Amino acid sequence: PEIFNEALVSIEDETKNMNLLIEKLLFIAKESDIRSERKEIELSEIILGCISGLKHQYPKAEIVFNPEYTIIKSDEALIKLLVKNLLENAIKYGKNNPVTVSLLNDDEKNLAELTIQDEGIGMTSEELQHIYDRFFRANKSRSKEIAGHGLGMSIVKRIINILKLDIKISSTPNVGTTVKLFFDL
């Protein structure tokens, strides 16, 4: 019975892994056909939905987020995929430390700033230069401990280009990574 249960858990994990890979490959394959449908959306609501969905996938993950009502005009499906990929990376590479998410509105600059910060393995400046390359994974993350295919940040870059958003990423090895996204209000 123990081996049977272990096998079932392994099969379930592998099925989830394959499903994520297929979703990401389909996004990349359809990229040229993607049409952005911009409408008013409440950003905190989308972030909360992504956090809730990821809690099922990563039940031990701790994500700290204090929502701030923020209306942007963008494509809801693309924003969900963007936030989900960034949060998933923060969880996976965060070494089981809490992930901090903040949303600030700057009415003077007419911008909303979304920050996703982990206290994980971080990256060198050399690794940071390649994070948008397909199938790239930082050397430290090639171990079996961290599942992934190296497609998430490639998808993030494509979404950012489609939606014409600004992104800033800073990272320090063994300290963590901070991602800042800027949206027009």
N, C-alpha and C. Protein backbone atom coordinates (compact mmCIF):
# COMPACT_ATOMS: atom_id res chain seq x y z
N PRO A 1 0.81 -1.23 0.00
CA PRO A 1 0.00 0.00 0.00
C PRO A 1 0.85 1.28 0.00
N GLU A 2 1.96 1.25 0.74
CA GLU A 2 2.82 2.46 0.77
C GLU A 2 3.38 2.76 -0.61
N ILE A 3 3.85 1.74 -1.29
CA ILE A 3 4.43 1.94 -2.63
C ILE A 3 3.34 2.40 -3.59
N PHE A 4 2.15 1.84 -3.47
CA PHE A 4 1.03 2.23 -4.32
C PHE A 4 0.69 3.71 -4.13
N ASN A 5 0.58 4.15 -2.88
CA ASN A 5 0.29 5.56 -2.59
C ASN A 5 1.40 6.48 -3.07
N GLU A 6 2.64 6.06 -2.89
CA GLU A 6 3.78 6.84 -3.37
C GLU A 6 3.74 6.96 -4.89
N ALA A 7 3.38 5.88 -5.56
CA ALA A 7 3.29 5.90 -7.02
C ALA A 7 2.17 6.84 -7.48
N LEU A 8 1.05 6.81 -6.80
CA LEU A 8 -0.06 7.70 -7.15
C LEU A 8 0.33 9.17 -6.99
N VAL A 9 1.01 9.49 -5.91
CA VAL A 9 1.46 10.86 -5.69
C VAL A 9 2.44 11.28 -6.79
N SER A 10 3.34 10.38 -7.14
CA SER A 10 4.32 10.66 -8.18
C SER A 10 3.63 10.87 -9.53
N ILE A 11 2.65 10.04 -9.84
CA ILE A 11 1.91 10.17 -11.09
C ILE A 11 1.14 11.50 -11.11
N GLU A 12 0.52 11.86 -9.99
CA GLU A 12 -0.22 13.12 -9.91
C GLU A 12 0.73 14.31 -10.12
N ASP A 13 1.88 14.28 -9.48
CA ASP A 13 2.86 15.37 -9.63
C ASP A 13 3.33 15.48 -11.08
N GLU A 14 3.59 14.36 -11.69
CA GLU A 14 4.08 14.36 -13.08
C GLU A 14 2.99 14.83 -14.03
N THR A 15 1.74 14.48 -13.74
CA THR A 15 0.62 14.93 -14.57
C THR A 15 0.47 16.45 -14.48
N LYS A 16 0.57 17.01 -13.28
CA LYS A 16 0.51 18.46 -13.11
C LYS A 16 1.65 19.13 -13.86
N ASN A 17 2.85 18.55 -13.76
CA ASN A 17 4.03 19.09 -14.42
C ASN A 17 3.82 19.10 -15.95
N MET A 18 3.32 18.01 -16.49
CA MET A 18 3.08 17.93 -17.93
C MET A 18 1.99 18.90 -18.36
N ASN A 19 0.95 19.07 -17.54
CA ASN A 19 -0.11 20.01 -17.85
C ASN A 19 0.42 21.44 -17.94
N LEU A 20 1.26 21.82 -16.99
CA LEU A 20 1.87 23.16 -17.01
C LEU A 20 2.73 23.35 -18.25
N LEU A 21 3.51 22.34 -18.60
CA LEU A 21 4.36 22.43 -19.79
C LEU A 21 3.50 22.60 -21.03
N ILE A 22 2.43 21.83 -21.15
CA ILE A 22 1.55 21.92 -22.32
C ILE A 22 0.92 23.30 -22.40
N GLU A 23 0.44 23.84 -21.27
CA GLU A 23 -0.14 25.19 -21.26
C GLU A 23 0.86 26.22 -21.76
N LYS A 24 2.09 26.12 -21.29
CA LYS A 24 3.11 27.10 -21.68
C LYS A 24 3.50 26.95 -23.14
N LEU A 25 3.63 25.72 -23.62
CA LEU A 25 3.96 25.50 -25.02
C LEU A 25 2.83 25.98 -25.94
N LEU A 26 1.58 25.77 -25.53
CA LEU A 26 0.45 26.25 -26.33
C LEU A 26 0.44 27.77 -26.40
N PHE A 27 0.76 28.44 -25.29
CA PHE A 27 0.82 29.90 -25.29
C PHE A 27 1.87 30.37 -26.29
N ILE A 28 3.05 29.76 -26.25
CA ILE A 28 4.12 30.15 -27.16
C ILE A 28 3.73 29.88 -28.61
N ALA A 29 3.08 28.74 -28.87
CA ALA A 29 2.67 28.40 -30.23
C ALA A 29 1.62 29.37 -30.77
N LYS A 30 0.72 29.85 -29.91
CA LYS A 30 -0.37 30.73 -30.33
C LYS A 30 0.02 32.20 -30.28
N GLU A 31 1.24 32.49 -29.86
CA GLU A 31 1.63 33.86 -29.57
C GLU A 31 1.31 34.84 -30.70
N SER A 32 1.55 34.46 -31.94
CA SER A 32 1.32 35.39 -33.04
C SER A 32 -0.17 35.66 -33.27
N ASP A 33 -1.04 34.78 -32.76
CA ASP A 33 -2.48 34.95 -32.93
C ASP A 33 -3.14 35.66 -31.76
N ILE A 34 -2.39 36.00 -30.73
CA ILE A 34 -2.97 36.58 -29.53
C ILE A 34 -3.42 38.02 -29.81
N ARG A 35 -4.66 38.28 -29.50
CA ARG A 35 -5.22 39.62 -29.62
C ARG A 35 -5.55 40.11 -28.22
N SER A 36 -5.01 41.23 -27.87
CA SER A 36 -5.22 41.79 -26.55
C SER A 36 -6.58 42.49 -26.51
N GLU A 37 -7.41 42.11 -25.53
CA GLU A 37 -8.70 42.75 -25.34
C GLU A 37 -8.63 43.59 -24.08
N ARG A 38 -8.46 44.87 -24.24
CA ARG A 38 -8.30 45.76 -23.10
C ARG A 38 -9.66 46.22 -22.58
N LYS A 39 -9.82 46.05 -21.26
CA LYS A 39 -11.02 46.54 -20.58
C LYS A 39 -10.61 46.89 -19.17
N GLU A 40 -11.46 47.59 -18.47
CA GLU A 40 -11.15 47.96 -17.08
C GLU A 40 -11.23 46.73 -16.19
N ILE A 41 -10.17 46.51 -15.43
CA ILE A 41 -10.11 45.38 -14.50
C ILE A 41 -9.53 45.85 -13.17
N GLU A 42 -9.91 45.15 -12.11
CA GLU A 42 -9.40 45.48 -10.78
C GLU A 42 -8.23 44.54 -10.50
N LEU A 43 -7.04 45.09 -10.39
CA LEU A 43 -5.80 44.32 -10.32
C LEU A 43 -5.69 43.48 -9.04
N SER A 44 -6.07 44.02 -7.90
CA SER A 44 -5.98 43.26 -6.64
C SER A 44 -6.80 41.98 -6.70
N GLU A 45 -7.96 42.07 -7.33
CA GLU A 45 -8.83 40.91 -7.46
C GLU A 45 -8.14 39.79 -8.27
N ILE A 46 -7.47 40.18 -9.33
CA ILE A 46 -6.75 39.20 -10.16
C ILE A 46 -5.61 38.58 -9.36
N ILE A 47 -4.87 39.41 -8.64
CA ILE A 47 -3.75 38.90 -7.83
C ILE A 47 -4.26 37.92 -6.78
N LEU A 48 -5.34 38.27 -6.09
CA LEU A 48 -5.92 37.38 -5.08
C LEU A 48 -6.36 36.05 -5.71
N GLY A 49 -6.92 36.10 -6.90
CA GLY A 49 -7.32 34.87 -7.60
C GLY A 49 -6.12 34.00 -7.94
N CYS A 50 -5.03 34.62 -8.39
CA CYS A 50 -3.81 33.87 -8.70
C CYS A 50 -3.22 33.24 -7.44
N ILE A 51 -3.21 34.00 -6.35
CA ILE A 51 -2.70 33.47 -5.08
C ILE A 51 -3.53 32.28 -4.64
N SER A 52 -4.83 32.40 -4.73
CA SER A 52 -5.73 31.31 -4.34
C SER A 52 -5.47 30.06 -5.17
N GLY A 53 -5.32 30.23 -6.48
CA GLY A 53 -5.05 29.09 -7.36
C GLY A 53 -3.72 28.43 -7.07
N LEU A 54 -2.72 29.23 -6.78
CA LEU A 54 -1.39 28.68 -6.51
C LEU A 54 -1.33 28.00 -5.15
N LYS A 55 -2.20 28.40 -4.22
CA LYS A 55 -2.24 27.76 -2.89
C LYS A 55 -2.60 26.28 -3.01
N HIS A 56 -3.42 25.94 -4.00
CA HIS A 56 -3.77 24.53 -4.23
C HIS A 56 -2.56 23.76 -4.76
N GLN A 57 -1.80 24.41 -5.61
CA GLN A 57 -0.63 23.77 -6.22
C GLN A 57 0.55 23.73 -5.25
N TYR A 58 0.70 24.78 -4.45
CA TYR A 58 1.80 24.89 -3.49
C TYR A 58 1.22 25.17 -2.11
N PRO A 59 0.65 24.16 -1.44
CA PRO A 59 -0.06 24.39 -0.18
C PRO A 59 0.83 24.92 0.95
N LYS A 60 2.13 24.70 0.89
CA LYS A 60 3.01 25.18 1.95
C LYS A 60 3.48 26.62 1.73
N ALA A 61 3.17 27.17 0.56
CA ALA A 61 3.64 28.52 0.23
C ALA A 61 2.93 29.56 1.08
N GLU A 62 3.71 30.54 1.53
CA GLU A 62 3.15 31.68 2.26
C GLU A 62 3.32 32.93 1.41
N ILE A 63 2.19 33.51 1.04
CA ILE A 63 2.21 34.72 0.22
C ILE A 63 1.52 35.82 1.00
N VAL A 64 2.25 36.90 1.24
CA VAL A 64 1.74 38.04 2.01
C VAL A 64 1.33 39.12 1.01
N PHE A 65 0.04 39.51 1.06
CA PHE A 65 -0.46 40.52 0.13
C PHE A 65 -1.55 41.33 0.81
N ASN A 66 -1.38 42.64 0.83
CA ASN A 66 -2.41 43.56 1.30
C ASN A 66 -2.98 44.26 0.07
N PRO A 67 -4.18 43.86 -0.36
CA PRO A 67 -4.74 44.41 -1.59
C PRO A 67 -4.97 45.92 -1.51
N GLU A 68 -4.79 46.57 -2.63
CA GLU A 68 -5.13 47.99 -2.76
C GLU A 68 -5.96 48.12 -4.03
N TYR A 69 -7.14 48.67 -3.89
CA TYR A 69 -8.05 48.80 -5.02
C TYR A 69 -7.36 49.55 -6.15
N THR A 70 -7.22 48.87 -7.30
CA THR A 70 -6.48 49.44 -8.42
C THR A 70 -7.17 49.06 -9.72
N ILE A 71 -7.65 50.05 -10.44
CA ILE A 71 -8.29 49.81 -11.73
C ILE A 71 -7.27 50.12 -12.83
N ILE A 72 -7.07 49.14 -13.71
CA ILE A 72 -6.22 49.35 -14.88
C ILE A 72 -7.02 48.96 -16.11
N LYS A 73 -6.57 49.38 -17.26
CA LYS A 73 -7.20 48.98 -18.51
C LYS A 73 -6.22 48.05 -19.21
N SER A 74 -6.59 46.75 -19.23
CA SER A 74 -5.69 45.76 -19.80
C SER A 74 -6.45 44.50 -20.15
N ASP A 75 -5.73 43.48 -20.57
CA ASP A 75 -6.31 42.19 -20.94
C ASP A 75 -6.29 41.28 -19.72
N GLU A 76 -7.46 40.92 -19.21
CA GLU A 76 -7.55 40.16 -17.97
C GLU A 76 -6.85 38.81 -18.05
N ALA A 77 -7.05 38.07 -19.13
CA ALA A 77 -6.44 36.73 -19.26
C ALA A 77 -4.91 36.82 -19.28
N LEU A 78 -4.38 37.80 -19.99
CA LEU A 78 -2.92 37.95 -20.07
C LEU A 78 -2.34 38.40 -18.73
N ILE A 79 -3.05 39.29 -18.04
CA ILE A 79 -2.58 39.74 -16.72
C ILE A 79 -2.57 38.57 -15.75
N LYS A 80 -3.60 37.72 -15.78
CA LYS A 80 -3.63 36.53 -14.91
C LYS A 80 -2.44 35.63 -15.18
N LEU A 81 -2.15 35.37 -16.45
CA LEU A 81 -1.03 34.50 -16.80
C LEU A 81 0.30 35.13 -16.38
N LEU A 82 0.41 36.43 -16.57
CA LEU A 82 1.62 37.16 -16.17
C LEU A 82 1.86 37.06 -14.67
N VAL A 83 0.85 37.39 -13.88
CA VAL A 83 0.97 37.36 -12.42
C VAL A 83 1.22 35.93 -11.93
N LYS A 84 0.51 34.97 -12.50
CA LYS A 84 0.67 33.58 -12.09
C LYS A 84 2.11 33.10 -12.31
N ASN A 85 2.68 33.42 -13.47
CA ASN A 85 4.05 33.00 -13.75
C ASN A 85 5.05 33.64 -12.79
N LEU A 86 4.87 34.93 -12.51
CA LEU A 86 5.79 35.62 -11.60
C LEU A 86 5.67 35.09 -10.17
N LEU A 87 4.43 34.88 -9.71
CA LEU A 87 4.24 34.34 -8.37
C LEU A 87 4.78 32.91 -8.25
N GLU A 88 4.55 32.12 -9.27
CA GLU A 88 5.03 30.73 -9.25
C GLU A 88 6.56 30.69 -9.16
N ASN A 89 7.23 31.55 -9.90
CA ASN A 89 8.69 31.61 -9.81
C ASN A 89 9.14 32.02 -8.40
N ALA A 90 8.47 33.02 -7.84
CA ALA A 90 8.83 33.47 -6.48
C ALA A 90 8.65 32.34 -5.47
N ILE A 91 7.59 31.56 -5.63
CA ILE A 91 7.35 30.44 -4.72
C ILE A 91 8.42 29.37 -4.92
N LYS A 92 8.65 28.98 -6.16
CA LYS A 92 9.58 27.88 -6.44
C LYS A 92 11.02 28.20 -6.05
N TYR A 93 11.45 29.43 -6.29
CA TYR A 93 12.84 29.79 -6.03
C TYR A 93 13.02 30.51 -4.70
N GLY A 94 11.96 30.60 -3.91
CA GLY A 94 11.99 31.33 -2.65
C GLY A 94 12.46 30.55 -1.45
N LYS A 95 12.92 29.33 -1.63
CA LYS A 95 13.45 28.49 -0.54
C LYS A 95 12.48 28.40 0.64
N ASN A 96 11.19 28.26 0.35
CA ASN A 96 10.14 28.13 1.38
C ASN A 96 10.01 29.35 2.29
N ASN A 97 10.56 30.47 1.90
CA ASN A 97 10.38 31.72 2.64
C ASN A 97 9.11 32.40 2.13
N PRO A 98 8.53 33.28 2.93
CA PRO A 98 7.33 34.00 2.46
C PRO A 98 7.62 34.84 1.22
N VAL A 99 6.63 34.93 0.36
CA VAL A 99 6.68 35.80 -0.81
C VAL A 99 5.85 37.03 -0.47
N THR A 100 6.40 38.20 -0.72
CA THR A 100 5.71 39.45 -0.41
C THR A 100 5.24 40.10 -1.71
N VAL A 101 3.96 40.42 -1.74
CA VAL A 101 3.38 41.07 -2.91
C VAL A 101 2.80 42.40 -2.44
N SER A 102 3.14 43.47 -3.17
CA SER A 102 2.57 44.77 -2.81
C SER A 102 2.10 45.48 -4.08
N LEU A 103 1.12 46.31 -3.90
CA LEU A 103 0.54 47.07 -4.99
C LEU A 103 0.39 48.50 -4.52
N LEU A 104 1.05 49.42 -5.20
CA LEU A 104 1.00 50.83 -4.82
C LEU A 104 0.50 51.66 -5.99
N ASN A 105 -0.38 52.60 -5.69
CA ASN A 105 -0.88 53.52 -6.71
C ASN A 105 -0.17 54.86 -6.57
N ASP A 106 0.38 55.35 -7.65
CA ASP A 106 1.01 56.67 -7.66
C ASP A 106 0.16 57.55 -8.58
N ASP A 107 -0.78 58.26 -7.97
CA ASP A 107 -1.70 59.08 -8.76
C ASP A 107 -0.99 60.21 -9.49
N GLU A 108 0.10 60.72 -8.90
CA GLU A 108 0.84 61.80 -9.55
C GLU A 108 1.46 61.34 -10.87
N LYS A 109 2.00 60.14 -10.88
CA LYS A 109 2.62 59.59 -12.10
C LYS A 109 1.62 58.79 -12.92
N ASN A 110 0.40 58.63 -12.39
CA ASN A 110 -0.64 57.85 -13.06
C ASN A 110 -0.20 56.40 -13.31
N LEU A 111 0.50 55.83 -12.30
CA LEU A 111 1.02 54.47 -12.41
C LEU A 111 0.63 53.63 -11.20
N ALA A 112 0.49 52.34 -11.45
CA ALA A 112 0.38 51.37 -10.37
C ALA A 112 1.64 50.51 -10.44
N GLU A 113 2.21 50.24 -9.26
CA GLU A 113 3.44 49.45 -9.20
C GLU A 113 3.15 48.16 -8.44
N LEU A 114 3.30 47.03 -9.13
CA LEU A 114 3.15 45.72 -8.52
C LEU A 114 4.54 45.18 -8.24
N THR A 115 4.80 44.81 -6.97
CA THR A 115 6.10 44.26 -6.58
C THR A 115 5.89 42.85 -6.05
N ILE A 116 6.69 41.92 -6.57
CA ILE A 116 6.69 40.54 -6.09
C ILE A 116 8.12 40.24 -5.65
N GLN A 117 8.27 39.92 -4.36
CA GLN A 117 9.60 39.77 -3.79
C GLN A 117 9.72 38.44 -3.06
N ASP A 118 10.80 37.72 -3.37
CA ASP A 118 11.08 36.49 -2.63
C ASP A 118 12.41 36.63 -1.91
N GLU A 119 12.64 35.77 -0.95
CA GLU A 119 13.90 35.73 -0.21
C GLU A 119 14.56 34.39 -0.46
N GLY A 120 14.78 34.11 -1.74
CA GLY A 120 15.25 32.79 -2.13
C GLY A 120 16.66 32.74 -2.64
N ILE A 121 16.85 31.88 -3.64
CA ILE A 121 18.20 31.59 -4.13
C ILE A 121 18.81 32.74 -4.92
N GLY A 122 17.97 33.61 -5.48
CA GLY A 122 18.49 34.75 -6.23
C GLY A 122 19.25 34.34 -7.46
N MET A 123 19.80 35.33 -8.17
CA MET A 123 20.55 35.09 -9.40
C MET A 123 21.72 36.06 -9.48
N THR A 124 22.73 35.63 -10.22
CA THR A 124 23.84 36.53 -10.52
C THR A 124 23.41 37.47 -11.65
N SER A 125 24.17 38.53 -11.87
CA SER A 125 23.84 39.45 -12.97
C SER A 125 23.95 38.74 -14.32
N GLU A 126 24.86 37.78 -14.43
CA GLU A 126 25.00 36.99 -15.66
C GLU A 126 23.73 36.17 -15.91
N GLU A 127 23.24 35.50 -14.87
CA GLU A 127 22.02 34.69 -15.02
C GLU A 127 20.82 35.59 -15.32
N LEU A 128 20.78 36.75 -14.71
CA LEU A 128 19.67 37.68 -14.89
C LEU A 128 19.55 38.12 -16.35
N GLN A 129 20.66 38.19 -17.05
CA GLN A 129 20.65 38.59 -18.46
C GLN A 129 19.96 37.57 -19.36
N HIS A 130 19.82 36.33 -18.89
CA HIS A 130 19.27 35.26 -19.73
C HIS A 130 17.89 34.78 -19.29
N ILE A 131 17.28 35.42 -18.31
CA ILE A 131 16.04 34.88 -17.77
C ILE A 131 14.89 34.82 -18.77
N TYR A 132 14.93 35.62 -19.82
CA TYR A 132 13.85 35.60 -20.81
C TYR A 132 14.09 34.58 -21.92
N ASP A 133 15.26 33.94 -21.92
CA ASP A 133 15.55 32.93 -22.93
C ASP A 133 14.72 31.68 -22.66
N ARG A 134 14.16 31.12 -23.71
CA ARG A 134 13.39 29.88 -23.56
C ARG A 134 14.28 28.77 -23.01
N PHE A 135 13.72 28.02 -22.10
CA PHE A 135 14.35 26.85 -21.48
C PHE A 135 15.55 27.20 -20.60
N PHE A 136 15.78 28.49 -20.33
CA PHE A 136 16.88 28.87 -19.45
C PHE A 136 16.48 28.68 -18.01
N ARG A 137 17.38 28.08 -17.26
CA ARG A 137 17.20 27.97 -15.81
C ARG A 137 18.57 28.24 -15.20
N ALA A 138 18.59 29.04 -14.16
CA ALA A 138 19.85 29.35 -13.49
C ALA A 138 20.50 28.06 -13.01
N ASN A 139 21.83 28.01 -13.04
CA ASN A 139 22.55 26.79 -12.69
C ASN A 139 22.11 26.17 -11.37
N LYS A 140 21.90 27.00 -10.37
CA LYS A 140 21.52 26.48 -9.06
C LYS A 140 20.16 25.80 -9.10
N SER A 141 19.34 26.18 -10.06
CA SER A 141 17.98 25.65 -10.08
C SER A 141 17.82 24.42 -10.96
N ARG A 142 18.91 23.88 -11.46
CA ARG A 142 18.81 22.72 -12.34
C ARG A 142 18.57 21.42 -11.57
N SER A 143 18.56 21.50 -10.27
CA SER A 143 18.37 20.30 -9.46
C SER A 143 16.94 19.81 -9.56
N LYS A 144 16.74 18.60 -9.15
CA LYS A 144 15.40 17.99 -9.17
C LYS A 144 14.47 18.64 -8.14
N GLU A 145 15.03 19.37 -7.19
CA GLU A 145 14.22 19.97 -6.13
C GLU A 145 13.22 20.99 -6.68
N ILE A 146 13.60 21.71 -7.73
CA ILE A 146 12.75 22.77 -8.26
C ILE A 146 12.27 22.35 -9.64
N ALA A 147 10.98 22.05 -9.73
CA ALA A 147 10.40 21.64 -11.00
C ALA A 147 10.24 22.85 -11.91
N GLY A 148 10.37 22.63 -13.18
CA GLY A 148 10.17 23.71 -14.14
C GLY A 148 10.77 23.36 -15.48
N HIS A 149 10.43 24.21 -16.46
CA HIS A 149 10.90 23.96 -17.82
C HIS A 149 11.67 25.14 -18.41
N GLY A 150 11.74 26.24 -17.68
CA GLY A 150 12.45 27.41 -18.20
C GLY A 150 11.64 28.18 -19.24
N LEU A 151 10.31 28.10 -19.16
CA LEU A 151 9.47 28.81 -20.12
C LEU A 151 8.70 29.98 -19.50
N GLY A 152 8.55 29.99 -18.19
CA GLY A 152 7.74 31.01 -17.52
C GLY A 152 8.15 32.43 -17.82
N MET A 153 9.43 32.73 -17.71
CA MET A 153 9.89 34.11 -17.92
C MET A 153 9.89 34.48 -19.40
N SER A 154 10.02 33.50 -20.27
CA SER A 154 9.89 33.75 -21.70
C SER A 154 8.46 34.20 -22.01
N ILE A 155 7.50 33.56 -21.36
CA ILE A 155 6.09 33.93 -21.52
C ILE A 155 5.84 35.31 -20.90
N VAL A 156 6.42 35.56 -19.74
CA VAL A 156 6.30 36.87 -19.09
C VAL A 156 6.76 37.98 -20.05
N LYS A 157 7.90 37.78 -20.68
CA LYS A 157 8.44 38.79 -21.59
C LYS A 157 7.50 39.04 -22.77
N ARG A 158 6.93 37.98 -23.30
CA ARG A 158 6.01 38.13 -24.42
C ARG A 158 4.74 38.88 -24.01
N ILE A 159 4.23 38.58 -22.84
CA ILE A 159 3.03 39.29 -22.36
C ILE A 159 3.35 40.76 -22.14
N ILE A 160 4.50 41.04 -21.56
CA ILE A 160 4.90 42.42 -21.32
C ILE A 160 4.99 43.19 -22.64
N ASN A 161 5.52 42.54 -23.67
CA ASN A 161 5.60 43.18 -24.98
C ASN A 161 4.22 43.40 -25.59
N ILE A 162 3.34 42.41 -25.46
CA ILE A 162 1.99 42.54 -26.01
C ILE A 162 1.24 43.69 -25.32
N LEU A 163 1.35 43.75 -23.99
CA LEU A 163 0.61 44.76 -23.22
C LEU A 163 1.36 46.08 -23.07
N LYS A 164 2.59 46.12 -23.56
CA LYS A 164 3.43 47.33 -23.49
C LYS A 164 3.61 47.82 -22.05
N LEU A 165 4.03 46.89 -21.19
CA LEU A 165 4.27 47.19 -19.78
C LEU A 165 5.77 47.36 -19.54
N ASP A 166 6.10 48.01 -18.43
CA ASP A 166 7.49 48.12 -17.99
C ASP A 166 7.71 47.13 -16.86
N ILE A 167 8.91 46.53 -16.85
CA ILE A 167 9.28 45.58 -15.80
C ILE A 167 10.71 45.88 -15.38
N LYS A 168 10.97 45.74 -14.08
CA LYS A 168 12.33 45.86 -13.54
C LYS A 168 12.55 44.67 -12.62
N ILE A 169 13.67 43.99 -12.81
CA ILE A 169 13.99 42.83 -11.99
C ILE A 169 15.37 43.03 -11.39
N SER A 170 15.44 42.85 -10.07
CA SER A 170 16.74 42.89 -9.40
C SER A 170 16.88 41.60 -8.60
N SER A 171 18.11 41.12 -8.50
CA SER A 171 18.33 39.85 -7.81
C SER A 171 19.74 39.79 -7.26
N THR A 172 19.85 39.13 -6.11
CA THR A 172 21.15 38.92 -5.48
C THR A 172 21.20 37.46 -5.03
N PRO A 173 22.29 36.74 -5.40
CA PRO A 173 22.39 35.34 -4.98
C PRO A 173 22.25 35.19 -3.47
N ASN A 174 21.48 34.20 -3.06
CA ASN A 174 21.22 33.86 -1.66
C ASN A 174 20.53 34.96 -0.86
N VAL A 175 20.00 35.97 -1.53
CA VAL A 175 19.23 37.03 -0.88
C VAL A 175 17.80 37.04 -1.41
N GLY A 176 17.65 36.94 -2.73
CA GLY A 176 16.33 36.88 -3.33
C GLY A 176 16.19 37.72 -4.58
N THR A 177 14.97 37.77 -5.07
CA THR A 177 14.66 38.46 -6.32
C THR A 177 13.45 39.36 -6.11
N THR A 178 13.50 40.54 -6.72
CA THR A 178 12.39 41.48 -6.69
C THR A 178 11.99 41.81 -8.12
N VAL A 179 10.70 41.66 -8.41
CA VAL A 179 10.15 41.98 -9.72
C VAL A 179 9.17 43.12 -9.54
N LYS A 180 9.33 44.16 -10.34
CA LYS A 180 8.40 45.30 -10.30
C LYS A 180 7.78 45.48 -11.67
N LEU A 181 6.45 45.51 -11.69
CA LEU A 181 5.70 45.76 -12.90
C LEU A 181 4.99 47.10 -12.77
N PHE A 182 4.93 47.84 -13.88
CA PHE A 182 4.33 49.17 -13.86
C PHE A 182 3.16 49.21 -14.84
N PHE A 183 1.98 49.59 -14.32
CA PHE A 183 0.76 49.66 -15.13
C PHE A 183 0.27 51.09 -15.16
N ASP A 184 -0.24 51.52 -16.31
CA ASP A 184 -0.90 52.83 -16.39
C ASP A 184 -2.24 52.74 -15.69
N LEU A 185 -2.56 53.72 -14.87
CA LEU A 185 -3.87 53.76 -14.20
C LEU A 185 -4.92 54.31 -15.16
